[in-house]
Amino acid sequence: MRVKSLIQSDPGFCTRTICRKHDGCFIAPLREKTQKSDLIVVNHSLLLAELSENRVLPQMTRVVVDEAHNMVKVAYDHFQRSLSRRIIADKLSSVNPASIRSKRLKGQISAVAQMNSEVGEAFAHLQDASENVLSVSRKLFACLAEEHATSYKRDVRYSQKQRYTDFGHQFAAVSQETTLLAESLREAGQKAAVVFELLSALSEEKVEAETVTAAERVVESLNELTVLLDNVAMREQENWVYWEEGGFKNDDLVISLNGVPVDIGNDLAESMFSTLDSVIATSATLTIGGDFHYFLSRLGLENMEGRTVETRAFPSPFLYNEQCKYYQWGGESNQQALDFPQVLSDVIEHVTAKWGKRTMVLFTARKALEECYYELESRGYLKNHDVFAQLSSASRGSMLEGLRSSEGGLLLGTSSFWEGVDLPRDLLEVLMITKLPFDVPFEPLIEAFNERIERREMNAFMEHSVPAAAIRLRQGFGRLIRSSYDEGVFINMDNRVVKKRYGQYFQSVIPVEMRIFSSPDEL
């Protein structure tokens, strides 16, 4: 958050006039170039942000969305509302006397105050009000942390989430602090508005445009904080899901309050698909068994009134059955079995000994990866092989570079390696998936979405969990065959593909004839 605030472009503040005084920045030239461009390439996040409020890009009418299967996740991130001590402190840093970032605006106000004392007095009141906001917010989040500390584990490194479904219950112990924060934000907002109005009334000779826009930004920040508090702590909205997220840093529990619509499809359709003349959405993983139903429903495209939605599926240019062999584990041991790390390690040892090719093993959880890594270590495997494991100290880039430089290297990776990894030809010839990539069912958003499906008397597992996991499995498989010249071996170690009735969905997304094996010797 701190680094982002130092490099981001603030609306109204980053103008051509202001930036020229400070040797310019990246925004103005970028904005000028985009206005003249015939084709602009951006990521999904910037696309949604620009559709909400054009800041850099020209008005859009036609858009091509590549890797469109990721739009749902990006949309959830875009529409999510979050509030924490850090967010409040960051948004008020320009008027917080204790922050180094306040020196610039304070110096500008001091210069104006020499000619107009009323501005100086109003700014001092704003600083006092902002300090009060920060003080109340510290108390609120400290009380929340103390109240809910037993719900968090101290010995885990990842962020933990606790869903709440009743604002009255969630904030019962801190109702006074919540109300005080709302009141202090409104008061600070009023003080900021006075400063902005006084500055706006002065002539250009007495006050620089930068000072006025900076004051306006403070007003906007306080309004945003008021709305955020209302969104996540004061006014429950139907069809939203709310959760507290946090973890321990040293002995302090640091938490945030979060909320987002349960089904983002309507918001996405309204903000994107309804506002553009045409949209082409493409991906290698938009269908399950040739059916677009799941993708269309998640993006809000099933019932688009007044718009035409067409779907097309094109055959792959790759000859998968000739380029790839698919081995499916059908043995009795599964991911819940105590001996599975040993079974998985047996297969890894056999594969690397038999083929000696660069191998990537994909996991769905860090714990399972660590269990496999330490099992291989106990066997002495690491002494004779180059192993690049996604442990706490490993970076994705360094691991990929290590695999590229090692002819028979083994890479053990989690979620970040399931997509966006391009290792053509002999840079990757054996790909192993250890477990079907189902969502964690008790994640607040997943749990709430599944409940919504169940209320419609449908099977959430078959309507959501299975299709979502099948699409991710296909994405993982896509790491292996990247061109018409690639060849390789794909191994799936989750026996549910052949043991469970729903396994047919996962078989349908792998375009290679399946060969079942129950021991490493059958490979």
Protein backbone atom coordinates (compact mmCIF):
# COMPACT_ATOMS: atom_id res chain seq x y z
CA MET A 1 0.00 0.00 0.00
CA ARG A 2 2.81 2.43 0.87
CA VAL A 3 4.76 1.78 -2.35
CA LYS A 4 1.59 1.92 -4.44
CA SER A 5 0.72 5.33 -3.03
CA LEU A 6 4.12 6.70 -4.10
CA ILE A 7 3.82 5.67 -7.76
CA GLN A 8 0.09 5.85 -8.48
CA SER A 9 -1.60 8.60 -10.44
CA ASP A 10 -4.22 10.51 -8.46
CA PRO A 11 -7.27 11.75 -10.39
CA GLY A 12 -7.29 15.54 -10.59
CA PHE A 13 -3.81 15.79 -9.11
CA CYS A 14 -1.76 14.31 -11.96
CA THR A 15 -2.55 16.89 -14.63
CA ARG A 16 -0.36 18.07 -17.48
CA THR A 17 0.05 21.54 -15.89
CA ILE A 18 1.13 20.19 -12.51
CA CYS A 19 3.39 17.44 -13.84
CA ARG A 20 5.30 19.77 -16.17
CA LYS A 21 6.45 21.76 -13.15
CA HIS A 22 8.12 18.64 -11.80
CA ASP A 23 9.74 17.38 -15.02
CA GLY A 24 6.66 15.33 -15.84
CA CYS A 25 5.82 11.71 -15.04
CA PHE A 26 4.78 8.60 -16.93
CA ILE A 27 1.04 9.34 -16.99
CA ALA A 28 0.80 12.36 -19.30
CA PRO A 29 2.91 10.88 -22.17
CA LEU A 30 1.11 7.55 -21.75
CA ARG A 31 -2.29 9.20 -21.94
CA GLU A 32 -1.30 11.14 -25.08
CA LYS A 33 -0.03 7.99 -26.82
CA THR A 34 -3.13 5.96 -26.04
CA GLN A 35 -5.37 8.64 -27.58
CA LYS A 36 -3.56 8.18 -30.91
CA SER A 37 -3.24 4.38 -30.83
CA ASP A 38 -5.14 1.98 -33.06
CA LEU A 39 -4.60 -0.97 -30.72
CA ILE A 40 -4.04 -0.85 -26.96
CA VAL A 41 -2.99 -3.88 -24.87
CA VAL A 42 -3.81 -3.79 -21.14
CA ASN A 43 -4.35 -6.32 -18.38
CA HIS A 44 -7.79 -7.28 -17.08
CA SER A 45 -7.54 -5.12 -13.95
CA LEU A 46 -6.77 -1.91 -15.83
CA LEU A 47 -9.53 -2.70 -18.33
CA LEU A 48 -12.17 -2.87 -15.58
CA ALA A 49 -10.79 0.21 -13.85
CA GLU A 50 -10.89 2.23 -17.07
CA LEU A 51 -14.43 1.07 -17.84
CA SER A 52 -15.47 2.45 -14.44
CA GLU A 53 -13.64 5.74 -14.90
CA ASN A 54 -11.50 6.64 -17.91
CA ARG A 55 -8.22 8.02 -16.58
CA VAL A 56 -5.62 6.94 -19.12
CA LEU A 57 -7.29 5.15 -22.01
CA PRO A 58 -9.63 6.71 -24.58
CA GLN A 59 -13.32 5.85 -24.59
CA MET A 60 -13.63 2.17 -25.49
CA THR A 61 -16.22 0.68 -27.84
CA ARG A 62 -14.70 -2.67 -28.87
CA VAL A 63 -12.65 -4.97 -26.67
CA VAL A 64 -10.96 -8.35 -27.11
CA VAL A 65 -10.49 -10.18 -23.80
CA ASP A 66 -7.84 -12.90 -23.95
CA GLU A 67 -7.62 -15.51 -21.15
CA ALA A 68 -11.23 -14.61 -20.43
CA HIS A 69 -11.60 -17.44 -17.89
CA ASN A 70 -9.73 -15.16 -15.46
CA MET A 71 -12.24 -12.29 -15.73
CA VAL A 72 -14.38 -13.54 -12.84
CA LYS A 73 -11.49 -13.53 -10.36
CA VAL A 74 -10.29 -10.12 -11.55
CA ALA A 75 -13.84 -8.77 -11.30
CA TYR A 76 -14.14 -9.97 -7.70
CA ASP A 77 -10.90 -8.15 -6.88
CA HIS A 78 -12.15 -5.03 -8.66
CA PHE A 79 -15.52 -4.86 -6.90
CA GLN A 80 -14.24 -5.93 -3.48
CA ARG A 81 -14.41 -3.35 -0.69
CA SER A 82 -11.77 -3.45 2.06
CA LEU A 83 -11.08 -1.37 5.16
CA SER A 84 -8.19 -1.54 7.62
CA ARG A 85 -6.03 0.66 9.81
CA ARG A 86 -3.41 0.72 7.05
CA ILE A 87 -5.90 1.81 4.39
CA ILE A 88 -7.24 4.62 6.59
CA ALA A 89 -3.73 5.81 7.50
CA ASP A 90 -2.63 5.77 3.86
CA LYS A 91 -5.58 7.80 2.63
CA LEU A 92 -5.05 10.41 5.35
CA SER A 93 -1.25 10.55 5.15
CA SER A 94 -1.22 13.93 3.37
CA VAL A 95 -2.97 15.58 6.34
CA ASN A 96 -1.51 13.49 9.15
CA PRO A 97 1.16 15.60 10.91
CA ALA A 98 3.00 12.42 11.93
CA SER A 99 3.43 11.31 8.30
CA ILE A 100 6.36 12.48 6.19
CA ARG A 101 4.00 12.61 3.22
CA SER A 102 2.13 15.53 4.84
CA LYS A 103 5.09 17.93 4.56
CA ARG A 104 4.37 18.94 0.97
CA LEU A 105 0.73 19.95 1.47
CA LYS A 106 1.50 21.50 4.86
CA GLY A 107 4.19 23.68 3.30
CA GLN A 108 1.85 24.78 0.52
CA ILE A 109 -0.91 25.63 3.00
CA SER A 110 1.56 27.57 5.18
CA ALA A 111 2.50 29.72 2.19
CA VAL A 112 -1.17 30.47 1.47
CA ALA A 113 -1.90 31.09 5.17
CA GLN A 114 0.55 34.00 5.20
CA MET A 115 -1.89 35.80 2.89
CA ASN A 116 -5.08 34.24 4.26
CA SER A 117 -5.07 33.17 7.91
CA GLU A 118 -8.51 31.58 7.57
CA VAL A 119 -7.01 28.86 5.36
CA GLY A 120 -4.34 28.09 7.94
CA GLU A 121 -6.90 27.82 10.74
CA ALA A 122 -9.18 25.57 8.64
CA PHE A 123 -6.27 23.31 7.75
CA ALA A 124 -5.27 23.03 11.42
CA HIS A 125 -8.82 21.94 12.24
CA LEU A 126 -8.63 19.36 9.43
CA GLN A 127 -5.38 17.97 10.82
CA ASP A 128 -6.92 17.68 14.29
CA ALA A 129 -9.97 15.92 12.84
CA SER A 130 -7.75 13.55 10.84
CA GLU A 131 -5.73 12.68 13.93
CA ASN A 132 -9.01 11.87 15.66
CA VAL A 133 -9.99 9.53 12.79
CA LEU A 134 -6.67 7.73 13.07
CA SER A 135 -6.98 7.45 16.85
CA VAL A 136 -10.51 6.04 16.68
CA SER A 137 -9.58 3.62 13.88
CA ARG A 138 -6.62 2.32 15.88
CA LYS A 139 -8.92 1.65 18.81
CA LEU A 140 -11.59 0.01 16.65
CA PHE A 141 -9.21 -2.44 14.97
CA ALA A 142 -7.36 -3.10 18.23
CA CYS A 143 -10.66 -4.03 19.88
CA LEU A 144 -11.66 -6.22 16.93
CA ALA A 145 -8.29 -7.97 17.08
CA GLU A 146 -8.63 -8.58 20.81
CA GLU A 147 -12.21 -9.79 20.46
CA HIS A 148 -11.48 -12.24 17.63
CA ALA A 149 -7.88 -13.28 18.38
CA THR A 150 -8.86 -16.84 19.28
CA SER A 151 -10.22 -17.35 15.75
CA TYR A 152 -6.75 -16.97 14.22
CA LYS A 153 -3.82 -19.36 14.32
CA ARG A 154 -0.46 -17.91 15.28
CA ASP A 155 1.69 -20.55 13.57
CA VAL A 156 0.51 -20.08 9.95
CA ARG A 157 2.18 -17.83 7.41
CA TYR A 158 -0.76 -17.23 5.10
CA SER A 159 -3.58 -14.76 5.59
CA GLN A 160 -6.65 -16.21 7.32
CA LYS A 161 -10.29 -15.37 6.64
CA GLN A 162 -13.28 -15.40 8.98
CA ARG A 163 -16.68 -14.92 7.41
CA TYR A 164 -19.33 -12.87 9.19
CA THR A 165 -23.02 -12.89 8.25
CA ASP A 166 -24.54 -10.56 10.84
CA PHE A 167 -23.19 -7.03 11.35
CA GLY A 168 -24.98 -6.77 14.68
CA HIS A 169 -23.19 -9.84 16.03
CA GLN A 170 -19.83 -9.11 14.38
CA PHE A 171 -19.58 -5.56 15.74
CA ALA A 172 -21.55 -5.94 18.99
CA ALA A 173 -18.48 -5.50 21.18
CA VAL A 174 -17.21 -2.51 19.17
CA SER A 175 -20.47 -0.79 18.24
CA GLN A 176 -19.41 2.38 20.06
CA GLU A 177 -16.03 2.50 18.28
CA THR A 178 -17.69 1.82 14.90
CA THR A 179 -20.15 4.66 15.43
CA LEU A 180 -17.36 6.98 16.60
CA LEU A 181 -15.31 6.19 13.49
CA ALA A 182 -18.27 7.00 11.24
CA GLU A 183 -18.82 10.30 13.08
CA SER A 184 -15.13 11.23 13.02
CA LEU A 185 -14.95 10.54 9.28
CA ARG A 186 -17.97 12.75 8.62
CA GLU A 187 -16.50 15.53 10.76
CA ALA A 188 -13.11 15.29 9.03
CA GLY A 189 -14.89 15.31 5.67
CA GLN A 190 -16.64 18.54 6.59
CA LYS A 191 -13.36 20.12 7.70
CA ALA A 192 -11.70 19.04 4.45
CA ALA A 193 -14.56 20.52 2.42
CA VAL A 194 -14.07 23.88 4.17
CA VAL A 195 -10.34 23.89 3.29
CA PHE A 196 -11.11 23.02 -0.33
CA GLU A 197 -13.79 25.73 -0.63
CA LEU A 198 -11.50 28.40 0.84
CA LEU A 199 -8.66 27.46 -1.52
CA SER A 200 -10.99 27.32 -4.54
CA ALA A 201 -12.19 30.85 -3.81
CA LEU A 202 -8.66 32.29 -3.98
CA SER A 203 -7.14 33.61 -7.18
CA GLU A 204 -4.43 31.71 -9.08
CA GLU A 205 -1.89 34.29 -7.94
CA LYS A 206 -2.47 33.33 -4.30
CA VAL A 207 -2.74 29.54 -4.57
CA GLU A 208 -1.35 26.97 -6.97
CA ALA A 209 -3.65 24.56 -8.77
CA GLU A 210 -1.68 21.68 -7.21
CA THR A 211 -2.70 22.80 -3.71
CA VAL A 212 -6.36 23.02 -4.62
CA THR A 213 -6.41 19.57 -6.26
CA ALA A 214 -4.53 18.08 -3.31
CA ALA A 215 -7.19 19.43 -0.95
CA GLU A 216 -9.90 18.07 -3.22
CA ARG A 217 -8.24 14.66 -3.08
CA VAL A 218 -8.44 14.74 0.74
CA VAL A 219 -12.17 15.38 0.50
CA GLU A 220 -12.54 12.44 -1.90
CA SER A 221 -10.44 10.17 0.34
CA LEU A 222 -12.59 10.90 3.38
CA ASN A 223 -15.76 10.31 1.37
CA GLU A 224 -14.32 6.99 0.15
CA LEU A 225 -13.49 5.93 3.71
CA THR A 226 -17.00 6.81 4.86
CA VAL A 227 -18.49 4.67 2.11
CA LEU A 228 -16.07 1.81 2.83
CA LEU A 229 -16.99 1.76 6.51
CA ASP A 230 -20.66 1.79 5.56
CA ASN A 231 -20.10 -1.08 3.08
CA VAL A 232 -18.27 -3.49 5.39
CA ALA A 233 -19.46 -2.64 8.90
CA MET A 234 -22.65 -0.60 9.07
CA ARG A 235 -25.12 -1.45 6.31
CA GLU A 236 -25.48 -5.04 5.20
CA GLN A 237 -26.34 -5.53 1.54
CA GLU A 238 -28.33 -8.44 0.25
CA ASN A 239 -26.38 -10.90 -1.89
CA TRP A 240 -23.03 -9.73 -0.53
CA VAL A 241 -20.50 -11.80 1.38
CA TYR A 242 -18.40 -10.31 4.21
CA TRP A 243 -15.25 -11.52 5.90
CA GLU A 244 -12.52 -10.50 8.28
CA GLU A 245 -9.01 -11.24 7.05
CA GLY A 246 -5.77 -11.13 8.96
CA GLY A 247 -2.80 -12.76 10.58
CA PHE A 248 -0.23 -12.25 13.29
CA LYS A 249 2.78 -10.01 12.74
CA ASN A 250 5.00 -10.65 15.72
CA ASP A 251 2.43 -10.59 18.55
CA ASP A 252 -0.04 -8.23 16.88
CA LEU A 253 -3.11 -9.45 15.02
CA VAL A 254 -3.55 -7.27 11.92
CA ILE A 255 -6.97 -7.52 10.32
CA SER A 256 -9.10 -5.97 7.59
CA LEU A 257 -12.85 -5.93 6.92
CA ASN A 258 -13.98 -7.00 3.45
CA GLY A 259 -17.09 -7.37 1.33
CA VAL A 260 -18.03 -8.16 -2.27
CA PRO A 261 -21.15 -9.21 -4.22
CA VAL A 262 -21.61 -13.00 -4.05
CA ASP A 263 -22.31 -13.33 -7.77
CA ILE A 264 -20.21 -10.86 -9.72
CA GLY A 265 -21.84 -11.71 -13.05
CA ASN A 266 -24.48 -8.97 -12.95
CA ASP A 267 -21.90 -6.30 -11.99
CA LEU A 268 -19.55 -7.48 -14.73
CA ALA A 269 -22.30 -7.53 -17.34
CA GLU A 270 -23.48 -4.05 -16.35
CA SER A 271 -20.03 -2.44 -16.18
CA MET A 272 -18.49 -4.13 -19.21
CA PHE A 273 -20.66 -6.10 -21.59
CA SER A 274 -23.59 -3.68 -21.58
CA THR A 275 -21.45 -0.58 -22.11
CA LEU A 276 -19.40 -1.69 -25.12
CA ASP A 277 -20.45 -2.07 -28.75
CA SER A 278 -18.84 -5.50 -28.96
CA VAL A 279 -16.67 -7.84 -26.90
CA ILE A 280 -14.74 -10.90 -28.04
CA ALA A 281 -13.81 -13.21 -25.15
CA THR A 282 -11.27 -15.92 -25.89
CA SER A 283 -9.50 -18.66 -23.94
CA ALA A 284 -8.47 -22.28 -24.32
CA THR A 285 -10.66 -23.11 -21.31
CA LEU A 286 -14.13 -21.65 -21.72
CA THR A 287 -16.04 -24.91 -22.17
CA ILE A 288 -16.70 -28.08 -20.23
CA GLY A 289 -17.34 -30.93 -22.65
CA GLY A 290 -17.95 -28.38 -25.40
CA ASP A 291 -20.59 -26.51 -23.34
CA PHE A 292 -20.26 -22.76 -22.61
CA HIS A 293 -22.97 -22.74 -19.89
CA TYR A 294 -20.64 -22.36 -16.88
CA PHE A 295 -18.59 -19.57 -18.43
CA LEU A 296 -21.64 -17.61 -19.61
CA SER A 297 -23.36 -17.89 -16.23
CA ARG A 298 -20.32 -16.68 -14.28
CA LEU A 299 -19.87 -13.63 -16.51
CA GLY A 300 -23.56 -12.69 -16.46
CA LEU A 301 -24.00 -13.42 -20.15
CA GLU A 302 -26.78 -16.02 -20.01
CA ASN A 303 -29.65 -13.54 -19.96
CA MET A 304 -28.33 -10.40 -21.62
CA GLU A 305 -31.43 -8.45 -22.64
CA GLY A 306 -31.10 -6.58 -25.90
CA ARG A 307 -27.67 -8.03 -26.66
CA THR A 308 -26.65 -10.92 -28.87
CA VAL A 309 -24.35 -13.51 -27.32
CA GLU A 310 -22.70 -15.93 -29.75
CA THR A 311 -20.36 -18.80 -28.89
CA ARG A 312 -17.85 -20.61 -31.07
CA ALA A 313 -15.51 -23.48 -30.27
CA PHE A 314 -12.54 -24.02 -32.56
CA PRO A 315 -10.49 -27.22 -32.74
CA SER A 316 -6.96 -27.14 -31.39
CA PRO A 317 -4.12 -26.99 -33.93
CA PHE A 318 -2.21 -29.51 -31.80
CA LEU A 319 -2.30 -33.27 -32.40
CA TYR A 320 -2.49 -34.08 -28.70
CA ASN A 321 -2.71 -37.86 -28.99
CA GLU A 322 0.45 -37.87 -31.09
CA GLN A 323 2.30 -35.26 -29.06
CA CYS A 324 1.35 -36.35 -25.55
CA LYS A 325 0.84 -39.43 -23.40
CA TYR A 326 -1.63 -39.21 -20.51
CA TYR A 327 -1.17 -41.49 -17.49
CA GLN A 328 -3.92 -41.47 -14.87
CA TRP A 329 -3.28 -42.80 -11.37
CA GLY A 330 -5.88 -45.44 -10.51
CA GLY A 331 -4.29 -46.89 -7.39
CA GLU A 332 -5.99 -46.99 -4.01
CA SER A 333 -3.87 -44.34 -2.30
CA ASN A 334 -5.34 -40.84 -2.54
CA GLN A 335 -4.43 -37.36 -1.34
CA GLN A 336 -5.94 -37.95 2.11
CA ALA A 337 -4.02 -41.20 2.70
CA LEU A 338 -1.09 -41.08 5.09
CA ASP A 339 1.12 -42.88 2.59
CA PHE A 340 0.38 -40.56 -0.34
CA PRO A 341 3.60 -38.48 -0.02
CA GLN A 342 5.53 -41.76 -0.26
CA VAL A 343 3.47 -42.95 -3.25
CA LEU A 344 3.91 -39.60 -5.00
CA SER A 345 7.64 -39.63 -4.33
CA ASP A 346 7.87 -43.19 -5.72
CA VAL A 347 6.32 -42.00 -8.97
CA ILE A 348 8.58 -38.93 -9.15
CA GLU A 349 11.69 -41.03 -8.60
CA HIS A 350 10.61 -43.55 -11.24
CA VAL A 351 9.72 -40.88 -13.80
CA THR A 352 12.95 -38.91 -13.44
CA ALA A 353 15.05 -42.10 -13.49
CA LYS A 354 13.29 -43.51 -16.56
CA TRP A 355 13.06 -40.41 -18.73
CA GLY A 356 15.59 -37.97 -17.23
CA LYS A 357 13.58 -35.04 -18.61
CA ARG A 358 12.71 -31.68 -17.12
CA THR A 359 9.71 -32.32 -14.89
CA MET A 360 7.19 -30.02 -13.22
CA VAL A 361 4.91 -31.22 -10.40
CA LEU A 362 1.91 -29.02 -9.60
CA PHE A 363 0.33 -28.96 -6.14
CA THR A 364 -2.83 -27.25 -4.88
CA ALA A 365 -1.47 -26.59 -1.37
CA ARG A 366 1.89 -25.57 0.06
CA LYS A 367 1.62 -28.19 2.83
CA ALA A 368 1.35 -31.07 0.34
CA LEU A 369 4.34 -29.70 -1.58
CA GLU A 370 6.43 -29.52 1.59
CA GLU A 371 5.50 -33.08 2.57
CA CYS A 372 6.65 -34.34 -0.83
CA TYR A 373 9.83 -32.25 -0.74
CA TYR A 374 10.86 -33.52 2.70
CA GLU A 375 10.04 -37.10 1.72
CA LEU A 376 12.36 -36.76 -1.29
CA GLU A 377 14.98 -35.16 0.95
CA SER A 378 14.79 -38.05 3.43
CA ARG A 379 15.49 -40.47 0.58
CA GLY A 380 18.62 -38.59 -0.46
CA TYR A 381 17.00 -37.59 -3.75
CA LEU A 382 18.05 -33.94 -3.42
CA LYS A 383 21.74 -34.88 -3.30
CA ASN A 384 21.68 -36.30 -6.84
CA HIS A 385 19.05 -34.15 -8.54
CA ASP A 386 18.37 -30.46 -9.13
CA VAL A 387 15.13 -29.73 -7.29
CA PHE A 388 13.46 -26.32 -7.39
CA ALA A 389 10.68 -26.22 -4.76
CA GLN A 390 8.31 -23.36 -4.04
CA LEU A 391 9.19 -23.05 -0.38
CA SER A 392 8.93 -19.79 1.55
CA SER A 393 12.24 -18.43 0.28
CA ALA A 394 11.85 -19.38 -3.39
CA SER A 395 10.77 -16.94 -6.10
CA ARG A 396 8.84 -18.03 -9.18
CA GLY A 397 11.32 -16.43 -11.57
CA SER A 398 14.40 -18.02 -10.00
CA MET A 399 12.74 -21.44 -9.97
CA LEU A 400 11.88 -21.26 -13.68
CA GLU A 401 15.37 -20.07 -14.51
CA GLY A 402 16.80 -22.96 -12.50
CA LEU A 403 14.66 -25.48 -14.38
CA ARG A 404 15.71 -24.02 -17.73
CA SER A 405 19.39 -24.39 -16.83
CA SER A 406 19.07 -27.98 -15.57
CA GLU A 407 18.59 -30.73 -18.17
CA GLY A 408 16.95 -33.15 -15.75
CA GLY A 409 15.61 -30.68 -13.22
CA LEU A 410 12.51 -31.13 -11.08
CA LEU A 411 10.24 -28.20 -10.20
CA LEU A 412 7.66 -28.44 -7.39
CA GLY A 413 5.17 -25.58 -7.62
CA THR A 414 1.78 -24.44 -6.33
CA SER A 415 -0.97 -22.20 -7.73
CA SER A 416 1.25 -19.58 -9.42
CA PHE A 417 2.63 -22.25 -11.78
CA TRP A 418 -0.75 -23.50 -13.02
CA GLU A 419 -0.99 -20.59 -15.49
CA GLY A 420 1.33 -18.19 -17.28
CA VAL A 421 4.27 -20.61 -17.50
CA ASP A 422 5.71 -21.05 -20.99
CA LEU A 423 8.35 -23.79 -21.26
CA PRO A 424 8.34 -25.03 -24.87
CA ARG A 425 10.18 -27.94 -26.46
CA ASP A 426 12.56 -29.73 -24.09
CA LEU A 427 12.26 -27.07 -21.36
CA LEU A 428 9.33 -29.12 -20.01
CA GLU A 429 8.58 -32.68 -21.10
CA VAL A 430 6.94 -34.24 -18.05
CA LEU A 431 4.06 -32.59 -16.20
CA MET A 432 2.49 -34.11 -13.09
CA ILE A 433 -0.62 -32.85 -11.27
CA THR A 434 -0.98 -34.18 -7.75
CA LYS A 435 -4.57 -33.18 -6.94
CA LEU A 436 -7.63 -31.83 -8.73
CA PRO A 437 -7.69 -28.05 -8.19
CA PHE A 438 -10.98 -27.68 -6.32
CA ASP A 439 -11.73 -24.43 -4.52
CA VAL A 440 -11.41 -24.49 -0.74
CA PRO A 441 -15.11 -24.96 0.19
CA PHE A 442 -14.96 -22.93 3.41
CA GLU A 443 -13.43 -19.84 1.79
CA PRO A 444 -16.01 -17.08 2.51
CA LEU A 445 -16.73 -16.25 -1.14
CA ILE A 446 -16.86 -19.88 -2.29
CA GLU A 447 -19.05 -20.87 0.65
CA ALA A 448 -21.48 -17.99 0.03
CA PHE A 449 -21.65 -18.67 -3.71
CA ASN A 450 -22.38 -22.36 -3.11
CA GLU A 451 -25.10 -21.45 -0.59
CA ARG A 452 -26.69 -19.23 -3.23
CA ILE A 453 -26.79 -22.15 -5.68
CA GLU A 454 -28.22 -24.49 -3.06
CA ARG A 455 -31.03 -22.01 -2.29
CA ARG A 456 -32.09 -22.43 -5.92
CA GLU A 457 -32.36 -26.16 -5.23
CA MET A 458 -29.38 -26.98 -7.42
CA ASN A 459 -26.27 -29.02 -6.66
CA ALA A 460 -23.49 -26.53 -5.90
CA PHE A 461 -20.80 -29.18 -6.25
CA MET A 462 -21.82 -30.14 -9.78
CA GLU A 463 -22.90 -26.66 -10.88
CA HIS A 464 -19.87 -24.77 -9.60
CA SER A 465 -17.11 -26.76 -7.86
CA VAL A 466 -16.60 -29.37 -10.57
CA PRO A 467 -16.70 -27.00 -13.60
CA ALA A 468 -14.35 -24.52 -11.90
CA ALA A 469 -11.86 -27.26 -11.03
CA ALA A 470 -12.10 -28.79 -14.52
CA ILE A 471 -11.21 -25.45 -16.12
CA ARG A 472 -8.20 -25.06 -13.82
CA LEU A 473 -7.09 -28.62 -14.58
CA ARG A 474 -7.17 -27.81 -18.29
CA GLN A 475 -5.11 -24.70 -17.62
CA GLY A 476 -2.56 -26.77 -15.73
CA PHE A 477 -2.37 -29.31 -18.55
CA GLY A 478 -1.79 -26.44 -20.96
CA ARG A 479 1.69 -25.89 -19.47
CA LEU A 480 2.92 -29.02 -21.29
CA ILE A 481 2.07 -28.68 -24.99
CA ARG A 482 2.82 -25.14 -26.06
CA SER A 483 3.38 -25.59 -29.81
CA SER A 484 3.05 -28.11 -32.64
CA TYR A 485 6.64 -29.17 -31.98
CA ASP A 486 6.22 -30.05 -28.31
CA GLU A 487 6.03 -33.58 -26.96
CA GLY A 488 5.56 -34.77 -23.42
CA VAL A 489 4.03 -36.92 -20.72
CA PHE A 490 1.11 -35.83 -18.55
CA ILE A 491 0.49 -37.62 -15.25
CA ASN A 492 -2.54 -37.01 -13.02
CA MET A 493 -2.15 -38.47 -9.52
CA ASP A 494 -5.73 -37.80 -8.35
CA ASN A 495 -7.59 -41.10 -8.58
CA ARG A 496 -11.00 -39.41 -8.30
CA VAL A 497 -10.86 -39.01 -12.08
CA VAL A 498 -11.49 -42.77 -12.38
CA LYS A 499 -12.99 -43.55 -8.97
CA LYS A 500 -15.78 -40.94 -8.87
CA ARG A 501 -18.75 -40.50 -11.19
CA TYR A 502 -17.92 -36.82 -11.70
CA GLY A 503 -14.48 -37.84 -12.95
CA GLN A 504 -15.82 -37.85 -16.49
CA TYR A 505 -15.86 -34.04 -16.44
CA PHE A 506 -12.12 -34.01 -15.79
CA GLN A 507 -11.51 -36.67 -18.42
CA SER A 508 -13.37 -34.53 -20.98
CA VAL A 509 -11.06 -31.53 -20.61
CA ILE A 510 -7.85 -33.50 -21.24
CA PRO A 511 -7.77 -34.07 -25.03
CA VAL A 512 -5.59 -37.19 -24.83
CA GLU A 513 -6.43 -40.87 -24.55
CA MET A 514 -6.15 -41.86 -20.89
CA ARG A 515 -3.95 -44.74 -19.70
CA ILE A 516 -4.62 -45.91 -16.15
CA PHE A 517 -1.74 -47.07 -13.94
CA SER A 518 -1.64 -48.34 -10.36
CA SER A 519 2.11 -48.57 -9.75
CA PRO A 520 5.18 -46.69 -11.00
CA ASP A 521 6.37 -49.75 -12.95
CA GLU A 522 3.35 -49.43 -15.27
CA LEU A 523 4.53 -46.07 -16.60
